[in-house]
PDB file of N, CA and C in Angstrom:
ATOM      1  N   UNK A   1       0.833  -1.185   0.000  1.00  0.00           N
ATOM      2  CA  UNK A   1       0.000   0.000   0.000  1.00  0.00           C
ATOM      3  C   UNK A   1       0.878   1.250   0.000  1.00  0.00           C
ATOM      4  N   UNK A   2       0.470   2.216  -0.734  1.00  0.00           N
ATOM      5  CA  UNK A   2       1.256   3.440  -0.798  1.00  0.00           C
ATOM      6  C   UNK A   2       0.922   4.341   0.389  1.00  0.00           C
ATOM      7  N   UNK A   3       1.759   5.323   0.585  1.00  0.00           N
ATOM      8  CA  UNK A   3       1.539   6.275   1.680  1.00  0.00           C
ATOM      9  C   UNK A   3       0.223   7.024   1.519  1.00  0.00           C
ATOM     10  N   UNK A   4      -0.143   7.321   0.313  1.00  0.00           N
ATOM     11  CA  UNK A   4      -1.389   8.043   0.054  1.00  0.00           C
ATOM     12  C   UNK A   4      -2.585   7.199   0.475  1.00  0.00           C
ATOM     13  N   UNK A   5      -2.538   5.905   0.180  1.00  0.00           N
ATOM     14  CA  UNK A   5      -3.633   5.021   0.576  1.00  0.00           C
ATOM     15  C   UNK A   5      -3.711   4.887   2.099  1.00  0.00           C
ATOM     16  N   UNK A   6      -2.541   4.822   2.743  1.00  0.00           N
ATOM     17  CA  UNK A   6      -2.522   4.743   4.210  1.00  0.00           C
ATOM     18  C   UNK A   6      -3.137   6.001   4.827  1.00  0.00           C
ATOM     19  N   UNK A   7      -2.801   7.141   4.276  1.00  0.00           N
ATOM     20  CA  UNK A   7      -3.363   8.398   4.783  1.00  0.00           C
ATOM     21  C   UNK A   7      -4.871   8.454   4.564  1.00  0.00           C
ATOM     22  N   UNK A   8      -5.324   7.967   3.424  1.00  0.00           N
ATOM     23  CA  UNK A   8      -6.763   7.938   3.161  1.00  0.00           C
ATOM     24  C   UNK A   8      -7.485   7.018   4.150  1.00  0.00           C
ATOM     25  N   UNK A   9      -6.861   5.891   4.499  1.00  0.00           N
ATOM     26  CA  UNK A   9      -7.450   4.987   5.498  1.00  0.00           C
ATOM     27  C   UNK A   9      -7.512   5.657   6.873  1.00  0.00           C
ATOM     28  N   UNK A  10      -6.451   6.369   7.225  1.00  0.00           N
ATOM     29  CA  UNK A  10      -6.430   7.073   8.518  1.00  0.00           C
ATOM     30  C   UNK A  10      -7.535   8.125   8.553  1.00  0.00           C
ATOM     31  N   UNK A  11      -7.682   8.869   7.485  1.00  0.00           N
ATOM     32  CA  UNK A  11      -8.721   9.906   7.414  1.00  0.00           C
ATOM     33  C   UNK A  11     -10.102   9.279   7.520  1.00  0.00           C
ATOM     34  N   UNK A  12     -10.305   8.161   6.825  1.00  0.00           N
ATOM     35  CA  UNK A  12     -11.596   7.465   6.882  1.00  0.00           C
ATOM     36  C   UNK A  12     -11.893   7.002   8.310  1.00  0.00           C
ATOM     37  N   UNK A  13     -10.890   6.447   8.976  1.00  0.00           N
ATOM     38  CA  UNK A  13     -11.073   5.979  10.358  1.00  0.00           C
ATOM     39  C   UNK A  13     -11.328   7.143  11.322  1.00  0.00           C
ATOM     40  N   UNK A  14     -10.654   8.261  11.100  1.00  0.00           N
ATOM     41  CA  UNK A  14     -10.861   9.429  11.963  1.00  0.00           C
ATOM     42  C   UNK A  14     -12.271   9.986  11.790  1.00  0.00           C
ATOM     43  N   UNK A  15     -12.765  10.003  10.555  1.00  0.00           N
ATOM     44  CA  UNK A  15     -14.137  10.467  10.319  1.00  0.00           C
ATOM     45  C   UNK A  15     -15.141   9.549  11.001  1.00  0.00           C
ATOM     46  N   UNK A  16     -14.878   8.255  10.931  1.00  0.00           N
ATOM     47  CA  UNK A  16     -15.755   7.286  11.588  1.00  0.00           C
ATOM     48  C   UNK A  16     -15.743   7.498  13.105  1.00  0.00           C
ATOM     49  N   UNK A  17     -14.554   7.727  13.650  1.00  0.00           N
ATOM     50  CA  UNK A  17     -14.435   7.994  15.085  1.00  0.00           C
ATOM     51  C   UNK A  17     -15.171   9.274  15.464  1.00  0.00           C
ATOM     52  N   UNK A  18     -15.027  10.322  14.664  1.00  0.00           N
ATOM     53  CA  UNK A  18     -15.706  11.588  14.936  1.00  0.00           C
ATOM     54  C   UNK A  18     -17.218  11.412  14.900  1.00  0.00           C
ATOM     55  N   UNK A  19     -17.713  10.636  13.949  1.00  0.00           N
ATOM     56  CA  UNK A  19     -19.153  10.377  13.874  1.00  0.00           C
ATOM     57  C   UNK A  19     -19.640   9.614  15.104  1.00  0.00           C
ATOM     58  N   UNK A  20     -18.847   8.641  15.546  1.00  0.00           N
ATOM     59  CA  UNK A  20     -19.218   7.867  16.739  1.00  0.00           C
ATOM     60  C   UNK A  20     -19.231   8.749  17.983  1.00  0.00           C
ATOM     61  N   UNK A  21     -18.241   9.608  18.112  1.00  0.00           N
ATOM     62  CA  UNK A  21     -18.191  10.524  19.257  1.00  0.00           C
ATOM     63  C   UNK A  21     -19.362  11.495  19.240  1.00  0.00           C
ATOM     64  N   UNK A  22     -19.726  11.968  18.062  1.00  0.00           N
ATOM     65  CA  UNK A  22     -20.866  12.879  17.949  1.00  0.00           C
ATOM     66  C   UNK A  22     -22.152  12.173  18.347  1.00  0.00           C
ATOM     67  N   UNK A  23     -22.322  10.925  17.919  1.00  0.00           N
ATOM     68  CA  UNK A  23     -23.514  10.155  18.285  1.00  0.00           C
ATOM     69  C   UNK A  23     -23.565   9.937  19.797  1.00  0.00           C
ATOM     70  N   UNK A  24     -22.418   9.655  20.396  1.00  0.00           N
ATOM     71  CA  UNK A  24     -22.355   9.474  21.846  1.00  0.00           C
ATOM     72  C   UNK A  24     -22.706  10.771  22.572  1.00  0.00           C
ATOM     73  N   UNK A  25     -22.168  11.884  22.110  1.00  0.00           N
ATOM     74  CA  UNK A  25     -22.456  13.178  22.736  1.00  0.00           C
ATOM     75  C   UNK A  25     -23.933  13.527  22.614  1.00  0.00           C
ATOM     76  N   UNK A  26     -24.542  13.218  21.492  1.00  0.00           N
ATOM     77  CA  UNK A  26     -25.969  13.496  21.302  1.00  0.00           C
ATOM     78  C   UNK A  26     -26.840  12.631  22.202  1.00  0.00           C
ATOM     79  N   UNK A  27     -26.372  11.426  22.521  1.00  0.00           N
ATOM     80  CA  UNK A  27     -27.154  10.502  23.343  1.00  0.00           C
ATOM     81  C   UNK A  27     -27.070  10.826  24.830  1.00  0.00           C
ATOM     82  N   UNK A  28     -26.040  11.561  25.244  1.00  0.00           N
ATOM     83  CA  UNK A  28     -25.865  11.874  26.671  1.00  0.00           C
ATOM     84  C   UNK A  28     -26.832  12.976  27.089  1.00  0.00           C
ATOM     85  N   UNK A  29     -27.376  12.863  28.322  1.00  0.00           N
ATOM     86  CA  UNK A  29     -28.270  13.925  28.802  1.00  0.00           C
ATOM     87  C   UNK A  29     -27.481  15.203  29.072  1.00  0.00           C
ATOM     88  N   UNK A  30     -28.129  16.323  28.842  1.00  0.00           N
ATOM     89  CA  UNK A  30     -27.481  17.616  29.062  1.00  0.00           C
ATOM     90  C   UNK A  30     -27.547  17.983  30.530  1.00  0.00           C
ATOM     91  N   UNK A  31     -26.483  18.554  31.038  1.00  0.00           N
ATOM     92  CA  UNK A  31     -26.461  19.040  32.420  1.00  0.00           C
ATOM     93  C   UNK A  31     -26.670  20.541  32.401  1.00  0.00           C
ATOM     94  N   UNK A  32     -27.121  21.062  33.524  1.00  0.00           N
ATOM     95  CA  UNK A  32     -27.351  22.498  33.669  1.00  0.00           C
ATOM     96  C   UNK A  32     -26.343  23.064  34.672  1.00  0.00           C
ATOM     97  N   UNK A  33     -25.089  23.286  34.276  1.00  0.00           N
ATOM     98  CA  UNK A  33     -24.107  23.788  35.238  1.00  0.00           C
ATOM     99  C   UNK A  33     -24.444  25.183  35.758  1.00  0.00           C
ATOM    100  N   UNK A  34     -25.134  25.980  34.966  1.00  0.00           N
ATOM    101  CA  UNK A  34     -25.493  27.326  35.418  1.00  0.00           C
ATOM    102  C   UNK A  34     -26.463  27.261  36.585  1.00  0.00           C
ATOM    103  N   UNK A  35     -27.377  26.318  36.558  1.00  0.00           N
ATOM    104  CA  UNK A  35     -28.343  26.181  37.647  1.00  0.00           C
ATOM    105  C   UNK A  35     -27.642  25.764  38.931  1.00  0.00           C
ATOM    106  N   UNK A  36     -26.623  24.910  38.827  1.00  0.00           N
ATOM    107  CA  UNK A  36     -25.882  24.485  40.004  1.00  0.00           C
ATOM    108  C   UNK A  36     -25.145  25.665  40.630  1.00  0.00           C
ATOM    109  N   UNK A  37     -24.551  26.510  39.808  1.00  0.00           N
ATOM    110  CA  UNK A  37     -23.848  27.676  40.328  1.00  0.00           C
ATOM    111  C   UNK A  37     -24.815  28.632  41.005  1.00  0.00           C
ATOM    112  N   UNK A  38     -25.964  28.827  40.421  1.00  0.00           N
ATOM    113  CA  UNK A  38     -26.958  29.720  41.013  1.00  0.00           C
ATOM    114  C   UNK A  38     -27.428  29.178  42.351  1.00  0.00           C
ATOM    115  N   UNK A  39     -27.583  27.873  42.468  1.00  0.00           N
ATOM    116  CA  UNK A  39     -27.997  27.271  43.726  1.00  0.00           C
ATOM    117  C   UNK A  39     -26.924  27.477  44.785  1.00  0.00           C
ATOM    118  N   UNK A  40     -25.669  27.317  44.409  1.00  0.00           N
ATOM    119  CA  UNK A  40     -24.589  27.492  45.370  1.00  0.00           C
ATOM    120  C   UNK A  40     -24.532  28.933  45.869  1.00  0.00           C
ATOM    121  N   UNK A  41     -24.753  29.872  44.984  1.00  0.00           N
ATOM    122  CA  UNK A  41     -24.750  31.279  45.381  1.00  0.00           C
ATOM    123  C   UNK A  41     -25.951  31.581  46.259  1.00  0.00           C
ATOM    124  N   UNK A  42     -27.087  30.998  45.943  1.00  0.00           N
ATOM    125  CA  UNK A  42     -28.299  31.256  46.711  1.00  0.00           C
ATOM    126  C   UNK A  42     -28.200  30.706  48.130  1.00  0.00           C
ATOM    127  N   UNK A  43     -27.361  29.678  48.342  1.00  0.00           N
ATOM    128  CA  UNK A  43     -27.232  29.083  49.664  1.00  0.00           C
ATOM    129  C   UNK A  43     -26.568  30.036  50.660  1.00  0.00           C
ATOM    130  N   UNK A  44     -25.758  30.968  50.175  1.00  0.00           N
ATOM    131  CA  UNK A  44     -25.113  31.935  51.052  1.00  0.00           C
ATOM    132  C   UNK A  44     -26.132  33.025  51.350  1.00  0.00           C
ATOM    133  N   UNK A  45     -26.677  33.006  52.572  1.00  0.00           N
ATOM    134  CA  UNK A  45     -27.718  33.976  52.898  1.00  0.00           C
ATOM    135  C   UNK A  45     -27.103  35.188  53.581  1.00  0.00           C
ATOM    136  N   UNK A  46     -27.708  36.303  53.360  1.00  0.00           N
ATOM    137  CA  UNK A  46     -27.233  37.540  53.968  1.00  0.00           C
ATOM    138  C   UNK A  46     -27.608  37.541  55.444  1.00  0.00           C
ATOM    139  N   UNK A  47     -26.711  38.009  56.297  1.00  0.00           N
ATOM    140  CA  UNK A  47     -27.033  38.061  57.724  1.00  0.00           C
ATOM    141  C   UNK A  47     -28.117  39.102  58.001  1.00  0.00           C
ATOM    142  N   UNK A  48     -28.922  38.833  59.001  1.00  0.00           N
ATOM    143  CA  UNK A  48     -29.983  39.762  59.383  1.00  0.00           C
ATOM    144  C   UNK A  48     -29.459  40.753  60.411  1.00  0.00           C
ATOM    145  N   UNK A  49     -30.230  41.787  60.643  1.00  0.00           N
ATOM    146  CA  UNK A  49     -29.875  42.785  61.647  1.00  0.00           C
ATOM    147  C   UNK A  49     -29.704  42.122  63.007  1.00  0.00           C
ATOM    148  N   UNK A  50     -30.603  41.207  63.340  1.00  0.00           N
ATOM    149  CA  UNK A  50     -30.550  40.543  64.643  1.00  0.00           C
ATOM    150  C   UNK A  50     -29.287  39.696  64.785  1.00  0.00           C
ATOM    151  N   UNK A  51     -28.893  39.007  63.711  1.00  0.00           N
ATOM    152  CA  UNK A  51     -27.681  38.186  63.767  1.00  0.00           C
ATOM    153  C   UNK A  51     -26.442  39.056  63.952  1.00  0.00           C
ATOM    154  N   UNK A  52     -26.386  40.159  63.224  1.00  0.00           N
ATOM    155  CA  UNK A  52     -25.244  41.067  63.349  1.00  0.00           C
ATOM    156  C   UNK A  52     -25.222  41.680  64.745  1.00  0.00           C
ATOM    157  N   UNK A  53     -26.378  42.087  65.223  1.00  0.00           N
ATOM    158  CA  UNK A  53     -26.472  42.678  66.558  1.00  0.00           C
ATOM    159  C   UNK A  53     -25.984  41.688  67.621  1.00  0.00           C
ATOM    160  N   UNK A  54     -26.348  40.421  67.499  1.00  0.00           N
ATOM    161  CA  UNK A  54     -25.931  39.407  68.473  1.00  0.00           C
ATOM    162  C   UNK A  54     -24.413  39.241  68.481  1.00  0.00           C
ATOM    163  N   UNK A  55     -23.805  39.216  67.301  1.00  0.00           N
ATOM    164  CA  UNK A  55     -22.350  39.075  67.220  1.00  0.00           C
ATOM    165  C   UNK A  55     -21.667  40.298  67.825  1.00  0.00           C
ATOM    166  N   UNK A  56     -22.168  41.486  67.494  1.00  0.00           N
ATOM    167  CA  UNK A  56     -21.569  42.712  68.034  1.00  0.00           C
ATOM    168  C   UNK A  56     -21.732  42.786  69.548  1.00  0.00           C
ATOM    169  N   UNK A  57     -22.875  42.369  70.056  1.00  0.00           N
ATOM    170  CA  UNK A  57     -23.106  42.394  71.504  1.00  0.00           C
ATOM    171  C   UNK A  57     -22.132  41.464  72.212  1.00  0.00           C
ATOM    172  N   UNK A  58     -21.904  40.293  71.647  1.00  0.00           N
ATOM    173  CA  UNK A  58     -20.970  39.338  72.254  1.00  0.00           C
ATOM    174  C   UNK A  58     -19.555  39.911  72.278  1.00  0.00           C
ATOM    175  N   UNK A  59     -19.135  40.515  71.189  1.00  0.00           N
ATOM    176  CA  UNK A  59     -17.797  41.121  71.138  1.00  0.00           C
ATOM    177  C   UNK A  59     -17.703  42.299  72.105  1.00  0.00           C
ATOM    178  N   UNK A  60     -18.776  43.061  72.235  1.00  0.00           N
ATOM    179  CA  UNK A  60     -18.796  44.197  73.152  1.00  0.00           C
ATOM    180  C   UNK A  60     -18.634  43.719  74.591  1.00  0.00           C
ATOM    181  N   UNK A  61     -19.308  42.617  74.927  1.00  0.00           N
ATOM    182  CA  UNK A  61     -19.186  42.058  76.280  1.00  0.00           C
ATOM    183  C   UNK A  61     -17.771  41.581  76.569  1.00  0.00           C
ATOM    184  N   UNK A  62     -17.036  41.251  75.529  1.00  0.00           N
ATOM    185  CA  UNK A  62     -15.661  40.783  75.703  1.00  0.00           C
ATOM    186  C   UNK A  62     -14.667  41.940  75.725  1.00  0.00           C
ATOM    187  N   UNK A  63     -15.168  43.171  75.750  1.00  0.00           N
ATOM    188  CA  UNK A  63     -14.297  44.327  75.892  1.00  0.00           C
ATOM    189  C   UNK A  63     -13.901  45.020  74.605  1.00  0.00           C
ATOM    190  N   UNK A  64     -14.584  44.767  73.533  1.00  0.00           N
ATOM    191  CA  UNK A  64     -14.236  45.365  72.242  1.00  0.00           C
ATOM    192  C   UNK A  64     -15.199  46.479  71.844  1.00  0.00           C
ATOM    193  N   UNK A  65     -15.796  47.152  72.810  1.00  0.00           N
ATOM    194  CA  UNK A  65     -16.799  48.177  72.516  1.00  0.00           C
ATOM    195  C   UNK A  65     -16.225  49.300  71.651  1.00  0.00           C
ATOM    196  N   UNK A  66     -15.049  49.788  71.992  1.00  0.00           N
ATOM    197  CA  UNK A  66     -14.439  50.877  71.220  1.00  0.00           C
ATOM    198  C   UNK A  66     -14.119  50.419  69.794  1.00  0.00           C
ATOM    199  N   UNK A  67     -13.647  49.195  69.663  1.00  0.00           N
ATOM    200  CA  UNK A  67     -13.341  48.657  68.331  1.00  0.00           C
ATOM    201  C   UNK A  67     -14.606  48.538  67.485  1.00  0.00           C
ATOM    202  N   UNK A  68     -15.686  48.103  68.107  1.00  0.00           N
ATOM    203  CA  UNK A  68     -16.956  47.960  67.398  1.00  0.00           C
ATOM    204  C   UNK A  68     -17.455  49.322  66.941  1.00  0.00           C
ATOM    205  N   UNK A  69     -17.342  50.312  67.805  1.00  0.00           N
ATOM    206  CA  UNK A  69     -17.766  51.671  67.451  1.00  0.00           C
ATOM    207  C   UNK A  69     -16.963  52.175  66.245  1.00  0.00           C
ATOM    208  N   UNK A  70     -15.658  51.900  66.250  1.00  0.00           N
ATOM    209  CA  UNK A  70     -14.807  52.311  65.129  1.00  0.00           C
ATOM    210  C   UNK A  70     -15.214  51.593  63.836  1.00  0.00           C
ATOM    211  N   UNK A  71     -15.571  50.318  63.943  1.00  0.00           N
ATOM    212  CA  UNK A  71     -16.008  49.571  62.759  1.00  0.00           C
ATOM    213  C   UNK A  71     -17.336  50.090  62.225  1.00  0.00           C
ATOM    214  N   UNK A  72     -18.236  50.464  63.120  1.00  0.00           N
ATOM    215  CA  UNK A  72     -19.513  51.031  62.683  1.00  0.00           C
ATOM    216  C   UNK A  72     -19.273  52.311  61.884  1.00  0.00           C
ATOM    217  N   UNK A  73     -18.391  53.149  62.388  1.00  0.00           N
ATOM    218  CA  UNK A  73     -18.068  54.401  61.693  1.00  0.00           C
ATOM    219  C   UNK A  73     -17.398  54.099  60.348  1.00  0.00           C
ATOM    220  N   UNK A  74     -16.513  53.107  60.340  1.00  0.00           N
ATOM    221  CA  UNK A  74     -15.842  52.706  59.096  1.00  0.00           C
ATOM    222  C   UNK A  74     -16.860  52.279  58.037  1.00  0.00           C
ATOM    223  N   UNK A  75     -17.942  51.654  58.482  1.00  0.00           N
ATOM    224  CA  UNK A  75     -18.966  51.175  57.548  1.00  0.00           C
ATOM    225  C   UNK A  75     -20.067  52.204  57.314  1.00  0.00           C
ATOM    226  N   UNK A  76     -19.852  53.433  57.773  1.00  0.00           N
ATOM    227  CA  UNK A  76     -20.717  54.531  57.379  1.00  0.00           C
ATOM    228  C   UNK A  76     -21.845  54.909  58.303  1.00  0.00           C
ATOM    229  N   UNK A  77     -21.784  54.565  59.594  1.00  0.00           N
ATOM    230  CA  UNK A  77     -22.875  54.936  60.497  1.00  0.00           C
ATOM    231  C   UNK A  77     -22.373  54.999  61.934  1.00  0.00           C
ATOM    232  N   UNK A  78     -23.160  55.692  62.766  1.00  0.00           N
ATOM    233  CA  UNK A  78     -22.840  55.765  64.186  1.00  0.00           C
ATOM    234  C   UNK A  78     -23.467  54.621  64.962  1.00  0.00           C
ATOM    235  N   UNK A  79     -24.525  54.044  64.406  1.00  0.00           N
ATOM    236  CA  UNK A  79     -25.187  52.926  65.080  1.00  0.00           C
ATOM    237  C   UNK A  79     -25.543  51.859  64.053  1.00  0.00           C
ATOM    238  N   UNK A  80     -25.706  50.647  64.530  1.00  0.00           N
ATOM    239  CA  UNK A  80     -25.925  49.506  63.648  1.00  0.00           C
ATOM    240  C   UNK A  80     -27.162  49.660  62.776  1.00  0.00           C
ATOM    241  N   UNK A  81     -28.226  50.175  63.321  1.00  0.00           N
ATOM    242  CA  UNK A  81     -29.470  50.280  62.552  1.00  0.00           C
ATOM    243  C   UNK A  81     -29.350  51.234  61.360  1.00  0.00           C
ATOM    244  N   UNK A  82     -28.317  52.086  61.345  1.00  0.00           N
ATOM    245  CA  UNK A  82     -28.112  53.006  60.225  1.00  0.00           C
ATOM    246  C   UNK A  82     -27.238  52.410  59.116  1.00  0.00           C
ATOM    247  N   UNK A  83     -26.682  51.237  59.349  1.00  0.00           N
ATOM    248  CA  UNK A  83     -25.812  50.609  58.355  1.00  0.00           C
ATOM    249  C   UNK A  83     -26.656  49.873  57.322  1.00  0.00           C
ATOM    250  N   UNK A  84     -26.262  49.989  56.082  1.00  0.00           N
ATOM    251  CA  UNK A  84     -26.952  49.300  54.984  1.00  0.00           C
ATOM    252  C   UNK A  84     -26.817  47.785  55.150  1.00  0.00           C
ATOM    253  N   UNK A  85     -27.872  47.073  54.797  1.00  0.00           N
ATOM    254  CA  UNK A  85     -27.828  45.613  54.908  1.00  0.00           C
ATOM    255  C   UNK A  85     -26.747  45.016  54.005  1.00  0.00           C
ATOM    256  N   UNK A  86     -26.382  45.728  52.955  1.00  0.00           N
ATOM    257  CA  UNK A  86     -25.321  45.254  52.064  1.00  0.00           C
ATOM    258  C   UNK A  86     -23.964  45.241  52.768  1.00  0.00           C
ATOM    259  N   UNK A  87     -23.823  46.018  53.818  1.00  0.00           N
ATOM    260  CA  UNK A  87     -22.568  46.104  54.566  1.00  0.00           C
ATOM    261  C   UNK A  87     -22.450  45.054  55.667  1.00  0.00           C
ATOM    262  N   UNK A  88     -23.535  44.351  55.984  1.00  0.00           N
ATOM    263  CA  UNK A  88     -23.526  43.417  57.117  1.00  0.00           C
ATOM    264  C   UNK A  88     -22.441  42.348  56.989  1.00  0.00           C
ATOM    265  N   UNK A  89     -22.326  41.746  55.817  1.00  0.00           N
ATOM    266  CA  UNK A  89     -21.347  40.669  55.631  1.00  0.00           C
ATOM    267  C   UNK A  89     -19.932  41.202  55.831  1.00  0.00           C
ATOM    268  N   UNK A  90     -19.652  42.360  55.280  1.00  0.00           N
ATOM    269  CA  UNK A  90     -18.336  42.967  55.427  1.00  0.00           C
ATOM    270  C   UNK A  90     -18.063  43.343  56.881  1.00  0.00           C
ATOM    271  N   UNK A  91     -19.075  43.882  57.550  1.00  0.00           N
ATOM    272  CA  UNK A  91     -18.936  44.245  58.960  1.00  0.00           C
ATOM    273  C   UNK A  91     -18.636  43.011  59.801  1.00  0.00           C
ATOM    274  N   UNK A  92     -19.353  41.934  59.557  1.00  0.00           N
ATOM    275  CA  UNK A  92     -19.112  40.700  60.310  1.00  0.00           C
ATOM    276  C   UNK A  92     -17.703  40.169  60.064  1.00  0.00           C
ATOM    277  N   UNK A  93     -17.229  40.286  58.840  1.00  0.00           N
ATOM    278  CA  UNK A  93     -15.869  39.843  58.533  1.00  0.00           C
ATOM    279  C   UNK A  93     -14.854  40.662  59.326  1.00  0.00           C
ATOM    280  N   UNK A  94     -15.088  41.972  59.428  1.00  0.00           N
ATOM    281  CA  UNK A  94     -14.191  42.830  60.208  1.00  0.00           C
ATOM    282  C   UNK A  94     -14.269  42.509  61.694  1.00  0.00           C
ATOM    283  N   UNK A  95     -15.460  42.207  62.181  1.00  0.00           N
ATOM    284  CA  UNK A  95     -15.647  41.918  63.606  1.00  0.00           C
ATOM    285  C   UNK A  95     -14.977  40.600  63.979  1.00  0.00           C
ATOM    286  N   UNK A  96     -14.965  39.635  63.081  1.00  0.00           N
ATOM    287  CA  UNK A  96     -14.354  38.337  63.377  1.00  0.00           C
ATOM    288  C   UNK A  96     -12.861  38.471  63.660  1.00  0.00           C
ATOM    289  N   UNK A  97     -12.225  39.494  63.123  1.00  0.00           N
ATOM    290  CA  UNK A  97     -10.799  39.707  63.337  1.00  0.00           C
ATOM    291  C   UNK A  97     -10.512  40.131  64.777  1.00  0.00           C
ATOM    292  N   UNK A  98     -11.493  40.755  65.417  1.00  0.00           N
ATOM    293  CA  UNK A  98     -11.299  41.239  66.793  1.00  0.00           C
ATOM    294  C   UNK A  98     -11.069  40.105  67.762  1.00  0.00           C
TER     295      UNK A  98
END
């Protein structure tokens, strides 16, 4: 067999393999990876005012009152009820360092 015939056989076999792989891919059920990511993000719930207040109260009882006051000011308010709910997660992260 000549080299040209060998190459033609290889090409024919590769096309057959590609067709088989395509048939296999078409037969497999589709997954929804975007839905899984959305579920994972949805599982992280935002802390409530009461949860943040409880954490701050515990830290205050442990002697970190001045630090907590400084963190409240850093997050844009003099008291917890004036802080945006969007800031709660960041505030809690800062408080955990204390």
